[in-house]
Amino acid sequence: MENDQKRRVIIMSLAGLLFGSLFYMFGLSIQSSIFPTIVNYAIAIIMYISSFLAVHNNNKEKVKLFTYIEFLSIFMIILITIVLFNQLFL
């Protein structure tokens, strides 16, 4: 894989993680109802899964940075799921 393609995959996956986090934080900031939080949670999960799959499909050479971004995506999915359950049940 070329360096330019690696750079593009890394930037796009980190952008997906950033936008997923921003969508979810926006959903949490709306306190009037739980519906926006759930919708933005779904959007964030889709962004995180897309970032994970983009990195996972291009990690044929076992690049350590790609593996780190995969673990970061999984960690973010777990983190926002815990926050969502905390918002719903407490």
Protein backbone atom coordinates (compact mmCIF):
# COMPACT_ATOMS: atom_id res chain seq x y z
CA MET A 1 0.00 0.00 0.00
CA GLU A 2 1.32 3.42 -0.91
CA ASN A 3 2.02 6.07 1.70
CA ASP A 4 -0.55 8.39 0.16
CA GLN A 5 -3.27 5.75 0.45
CA LYS A 6 -2.27 4.98 4.07
CA ARG A 7 -2.44 8.67 4.91
CA ARG A 8 -5.87 8.97 3.30
CA VAL A 9 -7.23 5.97 5.23
CA ILE A 10 -5.87 7.32 8.52
CA ILE A 11 -7.26 10.81 7.98
CA MET A 12 -10.68 9.55 6.90
CA SER A 13 -10.98 7.12 9.80
CA LEU A 14 -9.95 9.75 12.35
CA ALA A 15 -12.40 12.19 10.76
CA GLY A 16 -15.14 9.57 11.11
CA LEU A 17 -14.30 9.17 14.79
CA LEU A 18 -14.33 12.94 15.28
CA PHE A 19 -17.64 13.49 13.51
CA GLY A 20 -19.24 10.56 15.33
CA SER A 21 -18.17 12.05 18.65
CA LEU A 22 -19.42 15.50 17.69
CA PHE A 23 -22.82 14.13 16.61
CA TYR A 24 -23.18 12.25 19.86
CA MET A 25 -22.16 15.24 22.00
CA PHE A 26 -24.70 17.34 20.12
CA GLY A 27 -27.38 14.76 20.90
CA LEU A 28 -26.43 14.79 24.57
CA SER A 29 -26.62 18.58 24.73
CA ILE A 30 -30.31 18.57 23.78
CA GLN A 31 -32.07 18.00 27.10
CA SER A 32 -35.71 18.33 25.98
CA SER A 33 -36.15 14.69 24.92
CA ILE A 34 -34.28 11.41 24.63
CA PHE A 35 -35.10 10.97 20.92
CA PRO A 36 -32.27 13.23 19.60
CA THR A 37 -29.80 11.40 21.83
CA ILE A 38 -30.81 8.02 20.42
CA VAL A 39 -30.75 9.27 16.80
CA ASN A 40 -27.32 10.83 17.23
CA TYR A 41 -26.14 7.67 19.02
CA ALA A 42 -27.13 5.66 15.94
CA ILE A 43 -25.33 8.11 13.66
CA ALA A 44 -22.21 7.96 15.86
CA ILE A 45 -22.23 4.14 15.90
CA ILE A 46 -22.48 4.09 12.11
CA MET A 47 -19.54 6.51 11.85
CA TYR A 48 -17.45 4.45 14.29
CA ILE A 49 -18.19 1.18 12.52
CA SER A 50 -17.37 2.77 9.17
CA SER A 51 -14.05 4.03 10.54
CA PHE A 52 -13.28 0.62 11.99
CA LEU A 53 -14.07 -1.19 8.75
CA ALA A 54 -12.07 1.27 6.63
CA VAL A 55 -8.99 0.70 8.75
CA HIS A 56 -9.57 -3.04 9.15
CA ASN A 57 -9.97 -3.63 5.41
CA ASN A 58 -6.73 -1.75 4.66
CA ASN A 59 -4.66 -3.36 7.43
CA LYS A 60 -3.16 -6.13 5.31
CA GLU A 61 0.41 -5.27 6.29
CA LYS A 62 -0.42 -5.14 10.05
CA VAL A 63 0.47 -1.48 10.51
CA LYS A 64 0.51 -0.62 14.21
CA LEU A 65 -1.21 2.72 13.71
CA PHE A 66 -4.11 0.99 11.95
CA THR A 67 -4.42 -1.46 14.85
CA TYR A 68 -4.43 1.46 17.30
CA ILE A 69 -7.25 3.17 15.39
CA GLU A 70 -9.22 -0.10 15.38
CA PHE A 71 -8.93 -0.32 19.18
CA LEU A 72 -9.81 3.36 19.48
CA SER A 73 -12.99 2.78 17.46
CA ILE A 74 -14.00 -0.15 19.66
CA PHE A 75 -13.25 1.86 22.81
CA MET A 76 -15.40 4.76 21.59
CA ILE A 77 -18.30 2.42 20.79
CA ILE A 78 -18.14 0.98 24.30
CA LEU A 79 -17.80 4.44 25.87
CA ILE A 80 -20.78 6.04 24.16
CA THR A 81 -22.91 2.94 24.79
CA ILE A 82 -22.18 3.22 28.52
CA VAL A 83 -23.04 6.93 28.43
CA LEU A 84 -26.29 6.23 26.57
CA PHE A 85 -27.37 3.61 29.11
CA ASN A 86 -26.46 6.02 31.88
CA GLN A 87 -28.67 8.69 30.29
CA LEU A 88 -31.57 6.30 29.74
CA PHE A 89 -31.69 4.51 33.08
CA LEU A 90 -30.40 7.04 35.63
